Amino acid sequence: MTATNKRRGTTTTGTTKTGTGTWNSARSASARKTTKPVTSSRTNYTTLKNNFQQKITSYRTLYGQVQGASGAGRPSAATLNTFANWVNKGAVVYKISTAQINRWSETNKKCTTATTARNVLCNKFGKMPIKAVCKTKSGSYLVATASTYRGKTFKFPR
């Protein structure tokens, strides 16, 4: 069986393709072979180990909010689910005290809600790395941070 495509200028017979097609002409077996850059497996494993360690630490921080008596002022299940989704995407969760956020605040107002804490953090460090903020059961704040615009992991100053 022979089929001709006048628009592309190609002719197909069975499963083989012949002709002068331009848009699909580079899809031969030799064109699909690519060479991978030679990288050290030690570097790959170190990177994987660090990523797993960050995720485990973040999940432990979230798990600490689920433990204990219910209704003890802890974040809602939807909020914790949002944080877990950020961790799945590569964010790191930090637990920050209200005193530290008040130090970063450039005004004398005390930070009392998650919204004001988010505003303080976004004003201090930019909106890109700060993904989510919520109040914990102990009164401090959980902050989900993603990588910076340069691709480096965001870390709060000490």
C-alpha atoms as a PDB file:
ATOM      1  CA  MET A   1       0.000   0.000   0.000  1.00  0.00           C
ATOM      2  CA  THR A   2       1.436   3.378  -1.008  1.00  0.00           C
ATOM      3  CA  ALA A   3       0.196   6.688   0.377  1.00  0.00           C
ATOM      4  CA  THR A   4       1.258  10.100  -0.877  1.00  0.00           C
ATOM      5  CA  ASN A   5       1.092  13.289   1.118  1.00  0.00           C
ATOM      6  CA  LYS A   6       1.213  16.135  -1.385  1.00  0.00           C
ATOM      7  CA  ARG A   7       1.455  18.793   1.278  1.00  0.00           C
ATOM      8  CA  ARG A   8       4.684  17.433   2.734  1.00  0.00           C
ATOM      9  CA  GLY A   9       6.001  15.884  -0.442  1.00  0.00           C
ATOM     10  CA  THR A  10       6.326  12.436   1.156  1.00  0.00           C
ATOM     11  CA  THR A  11       5.426   8.950   0.136  1.00  0.00           C
ATOM     12  CA  THR A  12       4.950   6.096   2.581  1.00  0.00           C
ATOM     13  CA  THR A  13       4.914   2.447   1.666  1.00  0.00           C
ATOM     14  CA  GLY A  14       3.893   0.119   4.467  1.00  0.00           C
ATOM     15  CA  THR A  15       5.971   1.126   7.459  1.00  0.00           C
ATOM     16  CA  THR A  16       8.937   2.699   5.670  1.00  0.00           C
ATOM     17  CA  LYS A  17       9.056   6.368   4.802  1.00  0.00           C
ATOM     18  CA  THR A  18      10.661   7.900   1.750  1.00  0.00           C
ATOM     19  CA  GLY A  19      10.519  11.369   0.271  1.00  0.00           C
ATOM     20  CA  THR A  20      11.781  14.842   0.903  1.00  0.00           C
ATOM     21  CA  GLY A  21       9.709  15.800   3.904  1.00  0.00           C
ATOM     22  CA  THR A  22      11.131  18.659   5.890  1.00  0.00           C
ATOM     23  CA  TRP A  23       9.297  18.607   9.141  1.00  0.00           C
ATOM     24  CA  ASN A  24       9.740  15.033  10.042  1.00  0.00           C
ATOM     25  CA  SER A  25      12.839  14.151   8.083  1.00  0.00           C
ATOM     26  CA  ALA A  26      15.238  14.152  11.065  1.00  0.00           C
ATOM     27  CA  ARG A  27      13.400  11.404  12.910  1.00  0.00           C
ATOM     28  CA  SER A  28      15.571   8.556  11.746  1.00  0.00           C
ATOM     29  CA  ALA A  29      17.160   6.128  14.174  1.00  0.00           C
ATOM     30  CA  SER A  30      20.584   7.740  13.855  1.00  0.00           C
ATOM     31  CA  ALA A  31      19.196  11.225  14.564  1.00  0.00           C
ATOM     32  CA  ARG A  32      17.574  10.108  17.826  1.00  0.00           C
ATOM     33  CA  LYS A  33      20.784   8.738  19.322  1.00  0.00           C
ATOM     34  CA  THR A  34      22.252  11.199  21.745  1.00  0.00           C
ATOM     35  CA  THR A  35      25.273  10.985  23.920  1.00  0.00           C
ATOM     36  CA  LYS A  36      24.922  11.738  27.588  1.00  0.00           C
ATOM     37  CA  PRO A  37      27.585  13.814  29.279  1.00  0.00           C
ATOM     38  CA  VAL A  38      29.927  11.815  31.457  1.00  0.00           C
ATOM     39  CA  THR A  39      29.226  12.623  35.099  1.00  0.00           C
ATOM     40  CA  SER A  40      30.508  11.120  38.261  1.00  0.00           C
ATOM     41  CA  SER A  41      28.079   8.771  39.984  1.00  0.00           C
ATOM     42  CA  ARG A  42      29.401  10.027  43.327  1.00  0.00           C
ATOM     43  CA  THR A  43      28.205  13.559  42.509  1.00  0.00           C
ATOM     44  CA  ASN A  44      24.795  12.243  41.491  1.00  0.00           C
ATOM     45  CA  TYR A  45      24.425  10.248  44.695  1.00  0.00           C
ATOM     46  CA  THR A  46      25.540  13.166  46.846  1.00  0.00           C
ATOM     47  CA  THR A  47      22.952  15.416  45.232  1.00  0.00           C
ATOM     48  CA  LEU A  48      20.244  12.788  45.665  1.00  0.00           C
ATOM     49  CA  LYS A  49      21.222  12.228  49.285  1.00  0.00           C
ATOM     50  CA  ASN A  50      21.010  15.950  50.035  1.00  0.00           C
ATOM     51  CA  ASN A  51      17.616  16.243  48.344  1.00  0.00           C
ATOM     52  CA  PHE A  52      16.241  13.259  50.268  1.00  0.00           C
ATOM     53  CA  GLN A  53      17.636  14.614  53.525  1.00  0.00           C
ATOM     54  CA  GLN A  54      15.956  18.002  52.969  1.00  0.00           C
ATOM     55  CA  LYS A  55      12.622  16.334  52.193  1.00  0.00           C
ATOM     56  CA  ILE A  56      12.830  14.062  55.240  1.00  0.00           C
ATOM     57  CA  THR A  57      13.636  17.020  57.503  1.00  0.00           C
ATOM     58  CA  SER A  58      10.732  19.008  56.057  1.00  0.00           C
ATOM     59  CA  TYR A  59       8.303  16.115  56.501  1.00  0.00           C
ATOM     60  CA  ARG A  60       9.487  15.649  60.102  1.00  0.00           C
ATOM     61  CA  THR A  61       8.759  19.318  60.758  1.00  0.00           C
ATOM     62  CA  LEU A  62       5.248  18.877  59.344  1.00  0.00           C
ATOM     63  CA  TYR A  63       4.753  15.627  61.270  1.00  0.00           C
ATOM     64  CA  GLY A  64       5.576  17.437  64.513  1.00  0.00           C
ATOM     65  CA  GLN A  65       2.511  19.613  63.926  1.00  0.00           C
ATOM     66  CA  VAL A  66       0.207  16.601  63.566  1.00  0.00           C
ATOM     67  CA  GLN A  67       1.252  14.953  66.833  1.00  0.00           C
ATOM     68  CA  GLY A  68      -0.477  15.763  70.090  1.00  0.00           C
ATOM     69  CA  ALA A  69      -4.001  16.578  71.126  1.00  0.00           C
ATOM     70  CA  SER A  70      -6.356  17.789  68.427  1.00  0.00           C
ATOM     71  CA  GLY A  71      -7.518  21.374  68.488  1.00  0.00           C
ATOM     72  CA  ALA A  72      -4.362  22.577  70.219  1.00  0.00           C
ATOM     73  CA  GLY A  73      -3.996  25.538  67.852  1.00  0.00           C
ATOM     74  CA  ARG A  74      -2.197  23.560  65.179  1.00  0.00           C
ATOM     75  CA  PRO A  75      -2.528  24.248  61.429  1.00  0.00           C
ATOM     76  CA  SER A  76      -5.484  22.779  59.580  1.00  0.00           C
ATOM     77  CA  ALA A  77      -5.216  19.614  57.511  1.00  0.00           C
ATOM     78  CA  ALA A  78      -5.606  21.651  54.305  1.00  0.00           C
ATOM     79  CA  THR A  79      -2.731  23.925  55.305  1.00  0.00           C
ATOM     80  CA  LEU A  80      -0.465  20.994  56.115  1.00  0.00           C
ATOM     81  CA  ASN A  81      -1.447  19.367  52.810  1.00  0.00           C
ATOM     82  CA  THR A  82      -0.437  22.570  51.003  1.00  0.00           C
ATOM     83  CA  PHE A  83       2.933  22.483  52.753  1.00  0.00           C
ATOM     84  CA  ALA A  84       3.357  18.795  51.826  1.00  0.00           C
ATOM     85  CA  ASN A  85       2.678  19.658  48.187  1.00  0.00           C
ATOM     86  CA  TRP A  86       5.352  22.377  48.337  1.00  0.00           C
ATOM     87  CA  VAL A  87       7.800  19.833  49.782  1.00  0.00           C
ATOM     88  CA  ASN A  88       6.977  17.454  46.911  1.00  0.00           C
ATOM     89  CA  LYS A  89       7.910  20.265  44.516  1.00  0.00           C
ATOM     90  CA  GLY A  90      11.261  20.759  46.241  1.00  0.00           C
ATOM     91  CA  ALA A  91      10.546  23.384  48.894  1.00  0.00           C
ATOM     92  CA  VAL A  92      12.176  23.244  52.321  1.00  0.00           C
ATOM     93  CA  VAL A  93      10.112  23.852  55.475  1.00  0.00           C
ATOM     94  CA  TYR A  94      11.640  25.855  58.324  1.00  0.00           C
ATOM     95  CA  LYS A  95      10.282  26.538  61.797  1.00  0.00           C
ATOM     96  CA  ILE A  96      10.935  30.169  62.775  1.00  0.00           C
ATOM     97  CA  SER A  97      10.197  31.872  66.076  1.00  0.00           C
ATOM     98  CA  THR A  98       8.097  35.011  66.366  1.00  0.00           C
ATOM     99  CA  ALA A  99      11.067  36.789  67.975  1.00  0.00           C
ATOM    100  CA  GLN A 100      13.153  36.152  64.869  1.00  0.00           C
ATOM    101  CA  ILE A 101      10.427  37.462  62.565  1.00  0.00           C
ATOM    102  CA  ASN A 102      10.023  40.528  64.781  1.00  0.00           C
ATOM    103  CA  ARG A 103      13.784  41.139  64.441  1.00  0.00           C
ATOM    104  CA  TRP A 104      13.532  40.992  60.647  1.00  0.00           C
ATOM    105  CA  SER A 105      10.587  43.373  60.695  1.00  0.00           C
ATOM    106  CA  GLU A 106      11.699  46.927  59.985  1.00  0.00           C
ATOM    107  CA  THR A 107       8.866  48.408  62.021  1.00  0.00           C
ATOM    108  CA  ASN A 108       8.132  48.236  65.721  1.00  0.00           C
ATOM    109  CA  LYS A 109       4.872  46.325  65.148  1.00  0.00           C
ATOM    110  CA  LYS A 110       4.675  42.831  66.575  1.00  0.00           C
ATOM    111  CA  CYS A 111       3.944  40.028  64.132  1.00  0.00           C
ATOM    112  CA  THR A 112       0.780  38.243  65.285  1.00  0.00           C
ATOM    113  CA  THR A 113      -0.669  36.503  62.207  1.00  0.00           C
ATOM    114  CA  ALA A 114       0.641  34.355  59.390  1.00  0.00           C
ATOM    115  CA  THR A 115      -0.247  37.061  56.862  1.00  0.00           C
ATOM    116  CA  THR A 116       1.834  39.698  58.608  1.00  0.00           C
ATOM    117  CA  ALA A 117       4.684  37.197  58.999  1.00  0.00           C
ATOM    118  CA  ARG A 118       4.539  36.460  55.267  1.00  0.00           C
ATOM    119  CA  ASN A 119       4.590  40.191  54.479  1.00  0.00           C
ATOM    120  CA  VAL A 120       7.621  40.710  56.738  1.00  0.00           C
ATOM    121  CA  LEU A 121       9.483  37.795  55.145  1.00  0.00           C
ATOM    122  CA  CYS A 122       8.606  38.869  51.594  1.00  0.00           C
ATOM    123  CA  ASN A 123       9.760  42.422  52.307  1.00  0.00           C
ATOM    124  CA  LYS A 124      13.028  41.176  53.792  1.00  0.00           C
ATOM    125  CA  PHE A 125      13.939  38.310  51.404  1.00  0.00           C
ATOM    126  CA  GLY A 126      11.747  38.828  48.331  1.00  0.00           C
ATOM    127  CA  LYS A 127       8.587  37.101  47.164  1.00  0.00           C
ATOM    128  CA  MET A 128      10.222  34.385  45.103  1.00  0.00           C
ATOM    129  CA  PRO A 129      11.691  32.118  47.810  1.00  0.00           C
ATOM    130  CA  ILE A 130       8.817  32.461  50.343  1.00  0.00           C
ATOM    131  CA  LYS A 131       6.021  30.116  49.257  1.00  0.00           C
ATOM    132  CA  ALA A 132       3.795  29.588  52.305  1.00  0.00           C
ATOM    133  CA  VAL A 133       3.593  30.669  55.944  1.00  0.00           C
ATOM    134  CA  CYS A 134       1.393  29.369  58.774  1.00  0.00           C
ATOM    135  CA  LYS A 135       1.340  29.551  62.543  1.00  0.00           C
ATOM    136  CA  THR A 136       2.324  26.420  64.476  1.00  0.00           C
ATOM    137  CA  LYS A 137       0.761  24.954  67.608  1.00  0.00           C
ATOM    138  CA  SER A 138       3.595  26.403  69.716  1.00  0.00           C
ATOM    139  CA  GLY A 139       3.124  29.943  68.383  1.00  0.00           C
ATOM    140  CA  SER A 140       6.097  30.022  66.023  1.00  0.00           C
ATOM    141  CA  TYR A 141       5.780  29.934  62.230  1.00  0.00           C
ATOM    142  CA  LEU A 142       6.265  27.311  59.539  1.00  0.00           C
ATOM    143  CA  VAL A 143       7.738  28.763  56.357  1.00  0.00           C
ATOM    144  CA  ALA A 144       7.997  26.871  53.058  1.00  0.00           C
ATOM    145  CA  THR A 145      10.864  28.200  50.962  1.00  0.00           C
ATOM    146  CA  ALA A 146      11.841  27.324  47.408  1.00  0.00           C
ATOM    147  CA  SER A 147      15.112  27.865  45.626  1.00  0.00           C
ATOM    148  CA  THR A 148      16.246  31.372  44.766  1.00  0.00           C
ATOM    149  CA  TYR A 149      16.227  32.833  41.278  1.00  0.00           C
ATOM    150  CA  ARG A 150      19.794  31.579  40.867  1.00  0.00           C
ATOM    151  CA  GLY A 151      18.690  28.010  41.622  1.00  0.00           C
ATOM    152  CA  LYS A 152      20.338  27.776  45.028  1.00  0.00           C
ATOM    153  CA  THR A 153      18.529  26.496  48.094  1.00  0.00           C
ATOM    154  CA  PHE A 154      17.233  29.385  50.191  1.00  0.00           C
ATOM    155  CA  LYS A 155      18.543  29.499  53.764  1.00  0.00           C
ATOM    156  CA  PHE A 156      17.560  31.963  56.455  1.00  0.00           C
ATOM    157  CA  PRO A 157      20.413  33.944  58.000  1.00  0.00           C
ATOM    158  CA  ARG A 158      21.292  33.080  61.578  1.00  0.00           C
END
